[in-house]
């Protein structure tokens, strides 16, 4: 049987540009509650939980830690984009299961934009 190499999401699927990456100015280690299926690009609140409709105004961080895909559900310290100026790729962001419409995603984008993300 032939094996085909596949690759999951990587940071470049989410991050288009970051201010001064050599100093990690925009990055921060955050304690996040990992849930099954969480990926790079997951938008989380300051409390470290995945953003859902009820918490769109609390969107605070975007997970960029590649180890998130291998973690079991529970609390973990993950590298996140915390402040700007940063350009994110909207197509790479992941939300809670109840955020499905463009309007809901736009509401999250407005909150992240206020943080420079």
C-alpha atoms as a PDB file:
ATOM      1  CA  UNK A   1       0.000   0.000   0.000  1.00  0.00           C
ATOM      2  CA  UNK A   2       1.354   3.388  -0.956  1.00  0.00           C
ATOM      3  CA  UNK A   3       1.642   6.005   1.777  1.00  0.00           C
ATOM      4  CA  UNK A   4       0.984   9.617   0.966  1.00  0.00           C
ATOM      5  CA  UNK A   5       2.561  12.194   3.228  1.00  0.00           C
ATOM      6  CA  UNK A   6       0.086  14.674   4.637  1.00  0.00           C
ATOM      7  CA  UNK A   7       0.629  17.671   6.818  1.00  0.00           C
ATOM      8  CA  UNK A   8      -1.750  19.250   9.301  1.00  0.00           C
ATOM      9  CA  UNK A   9      -2.157  22.958   9.823  1.00  0.00           C
ATOM     10  CA  UNK A  10       1.006  24.957  10.352  1.00  0.00           C
ATOM     11  CA  UNK A  11       1.593  28.464  11.702  1.00  0.00           C
ATOM     12  CA  UNK A  12       1.808  29.949   8.204  1.00  0.00           C
ATOM     13  CA  UNK A  13      -1.803  28.824   7.603  1.00  0.00           C
ATOM     14  CA  UNK A  14      -2.840  31.361  10.255  1.00  0.00           C
ATOM     15  CA  UNK A  15      -0.105  33.988  10.481  1.00  0.00           C
ATOM     16  CA  UNK A  16       0.573  36.259   7.489  1.00  0.00           C
ATOM     17  CA  UNK A  17       2.825  38.815   9.214  1.00  0.00           C
ATOM     18  CA  UNK A  18       4.055  39.500  12.730  1.00  0.00           C
ATOM     19  CA  UNK A  19       5.793  42.562  14.148  1.00  0.00           C
ATOM     20  CA  UNK A  20       9.395  41.774  15.114  1.00  0.00           C
ATOM     21  CA  UNK A  21       9.211  37.964  15.409  1.00  0.00           C
ATOM     22  CA  UNK A  22      12.826  37.807  16.626  1.00  0.00           C
ATOM     23  CA  UNK A  23      11.750  39.289  19.976  1.00  0.00           C
ATOM     24  CA  UNK A  24       8.407  37.440  20.160  1.00  0.00           C
ATOM     25  CA  UNK A  25       6.759  40.767  21.021  1.00  0.00           C
ATOM     26  CA  UNK A  26       3.318  39.603  19.840  1.00  0.00           C
ATOM     27  CA  UNK A  27       3.474  36.149  21.448  1.00  0.00           C
ATOM     28  CA  UNK A  28       2.619  34.945  24.928  1.00  0.00           C
ATOM     29  CA  UNK A  29       2.347  31.613  26.736  1.00  0.00           C
ATOM     30  CA  UNK A  30      -1.295  31.144  27.777  1.00  0.00           C
ATOM     31  CA  UNK A  31      -2.981  28.412  29.813  1.00  0.00           C
ATOM     32  CA  UNK A  32      -5.609  27.028  27.452  1.00  0.00           C
ATOM     33  CA  UNK A  33      -8.304  24.425  28.023  1.00  0.00           C
ATOM     34  CA  UNK A  34      -7.606  22.036  25.139  1.00  0.00           C
ATOM     35  CA  UNK A  35     -10.651  20.352  23.632  1.00  0.00           C
ATOM     36  CA  UNK A  36     -10.778  17.474  21.164  1.00  0.00           C
ATOM     37  CA  UNK A  37     -10.091  18.682  17.647  1.00  0.00           C
ATOM     38  CA  UNK A  38      -8.420  21.937  18.676  1.00  0.00           C
ATOM     39  CA  UNK A  39      -5.958  23.144  16.042  1.00  0.00           C
ATOM     40  CA  UNK A  40      -3.525  25.903  15.274  1.00  0.00           C
ATOM     41  CA  UNK A  41      -5.566  29.049  14.710  1.00  0.00           C
ATOM     42  CA  UNK A  42      -8.087  28.378  17.471  1.00  0.00           C
ATOM     43  CA  UNK A  43      -9.428  31.635  18.905  1.00  0.00           C
ATOM     44  CA  UNK A  44      -9.633  31.532  22.714  1.00  0.00           C
ATOM     45  CA  UNK A  45     -10.812  33.864  25.473  1.00  0.00           C
ATOM     46  CA  UNK A  46      -8.681  35.307  28.266  1.00  0.00           C
ATOM     47  CA  UNK A  47      -9.921  32.392  30.374  1.00  0.00           C
ATOM     48  CA  UNK A  48      -8.326  30.044  27.839  1.00  0.00           C
ATOM     49  CA  UNK A  49     -11.494  28.496  26.420  1.00  0.00           C
ATOM     50  CA  UNK A  50     -12.471  28.234  22.760  1.00  0.00           C
ATOM     51  CA  UNK A  51     -14.577  31.195  21.605  1.00  0.00           C
ATOM     52  CA  UNK A  52     -18.283  30.445  21.156  1.00  0.00           C
ATOM     53  CA  UNK A  53     -21.156  32.799  20.294  1.00  0.00           C
ATOM     54  CA  UNK A  54     -21.708  33.789  23.937  1.00  0.00           C
ATOM     55  CA  UNK A  55     -18.048  34.804  24.320  1.00  0.00           C
ATOM     56  CA  UNK A  56     -17.245  36.530  21.014  1.00  0.00           C
ATOM     57  CA  UNK A  57     -16.662  39.843  22.824  1.00  0.00           C
ATOM     58  CA  UNK A  58     -14.044  38.084  24.977  1.00  0.00           C
ATOM     59  CA  UNK A  59     -11.847  36.812  22.129  1.00  0.00           C
ATOM     60  CA  UNK A  60      -8.273  37.395  23.315  1.00  0.00           C
ATOM     61  CA  UNK A  61      -5.728  35.004  21.827  1.00  0.00           C
ATOM     62  CA  UNK A  62      -5.051  32.887  18.745  1.00  0.00           C
ATOM     63  CA  UNK A  63      -3.260  29.574  19.343  1.00  0.00           C
ATOM     64  CA  UNK A  64      -0.141  29.141  17.171  1.00  0.00           C
ATOM     65  CA  UNK A  65       1.470  26.265  19.072  1.00  0.00           C
ATOM     66  CA  UNK A  66       1.865  23.257  16.753  1.00  0.00           C
ATOM     67  CA  UNK A  67       1.784  20.827  19.693  1.00  0.00           C
ATOM     68  CA  UNK A  68      -1.934  21.524  20.253  1.00  0.00           C
ATOM     69  CA  UNK A  69      -2.923  18.777  17.809  1.00  0.00           C
ATOM     70  CA  UNK A  70      -1.161  16.127  19.917  1.00  0.00           C
ATOM     71  CA  UNK A  71      -2.478  17.160  23.334  1.00  0.00           C
ATOM     72  CA  UNK A  72      -5.137  15.332  25.310  1.00  0.00           C
ATOM     73  CA  UNK A  73      -8.124  17.399  26.441  1.00  0.00           C
ATOM     74  CA  UNK A  74      -7.402  19.472  29.549  1.00  0.00           C
ATOM     75  CA  UNK A  75      -5.330  22.469  30.591  1.00  0.00           C
ATOM     76  CA  UNK A  76      -2.054  23.149  28.780  1.00  0.00           C
ATOM     77  CA  UNK A  77       0.318  26.072  28.380  1.00  0.00           C
ATOM     78  CA  UNK A  78       0.381  27.027  24.682  1.00  0.00           C
ATOM     79  CA  UNK A  79       2.053  29.697  22.588  1.00  0.00           C
ATOM     80  CA  UNK A  80      -0.501  32.245  21.359  1.00  0.00           C
ATOM     81  CA  UNK A  81      -0.657  35.505  19.447  1.00  0.00           C
ATOM     82  CA  UNK A  82      -1.581  37.995  22.162  1.00  0.00           C
ATOM     83  CA  UNK A  83      -1.024  41.486  20.758  1.00  0.00           C
ATOM     84  CA  UNK A  84      -0.360  43.235  17.505  1.00  0.00           C
ATOM     85  CA  UNK A  85       0.557  44.426  15.101  1.00  0.00           C
ATOM     86  CA  UNK A  86      -0.161  41.094  13.465  1.00  0.00           C
ATOM     87  CA  UNK A  87      -1.871  40.094  10.214  1.00  0.00           C
ATOM     88  CA  UNK A  88      -3.862  36.882  10.525  1.00  0.00           C
ATOM     89  CA  UNK A  89      -5.406  34.861   7.712  1.00  0.00           C
ATOM     90  CA  UNK A  90      -9.152  34.716   8.368  1.00  0.00           C
ATOM     91  CA  UNK A  91      -9.361  31.374   6.563  1.00  0.00           C
ATOM     92  CA  UNK A  92      -6.992  29.826   9.114  1.00  0.00           C
ATOM     93  CA  UNK A  93      -8.927  30.763  12.244  1.00  0.00           C
ATOM     94  CA  UNK A  94     -10.887  28.125  14.183  1.00  0.00           C
ATOM     95  CA  UNK A  95     -13.888  28.856  16.413  1.00  0.00           C
ATOM     96  CA  UNK A  96     -16.290  26.985  18.666  1.00  0.00           C
ATOM     97  CA  UNK A  97     -18.850  24.780  16.924  1.00  0.00           C
ATOM     98  CA  UNK A  98     -21.682  27.303  17.240  1.00  0.00           C
ATOM     99  CA  UNK A  99     -19.873  30.071  15.322  1.00  0.00           C
ATOM    100  CA  UNK A 100     -20.946  29.286  11.797  1.00  0.00           C
ATOM    101  CA  UNK A 101     -22.106  32.458  10.058  1.00  0.00           C
ATOM    102  CA  UNK A 102     -20.015  35.192   8.506  1.00  0.00           C
ATOM    103  CA  UNK A 103     -21.554  37.750  10.871  1.00  0.00           C
ATOM    104  CA  UNK A 104     -20.460  35.788  13.929  1.00  0.00           C
ATOM    105  CA  UNK A 105     -16.929  35.427  12.545  1.00  0.00           C
ATOM    106  CA  UNK A 106     -16.865  39.138  11.711  1.00  0.00           C
ATOM    107  CA  UNK A 107     -17.810  39.947  15.327  1.00  0.00           C
ATOM    108  CA  UNK A 108     -14.793  37.957  16.533  1.00  0.00           C
ATOM    109  CA  UNK A 109     -12.569  39.664  13.938  1.00  0.00           C
ATOM    110  CA  UNK A 110     -13.609  43.105  15.213  1.00  0.00           C
ATOM    111  CA  UNK A 111     -12.617  42.175  18.765  1.00  0.00           C
ATOM    112  CA  UNK A 112      -9.268  40.732  17.620  1.00  0.00           C
ATOM    113  CA  UNK A 113      -8.626  43.794  15.438  1.00  0.00           C
ATOM    114  CA  UNK A 114      -8.986  46.022  18.491  1.00  0.00           C
ATOM    115  CA  UNK A 115      -6.019  44.095  19.953  1.00  0.00           C
ATOM    116  CA  UNK A 116      -4.029  44.542  16.743  1.00  0.00           C
ATOM    117  CA  UNK A 117      -4.593  40.941  15.633  1.00  0.00           C
END
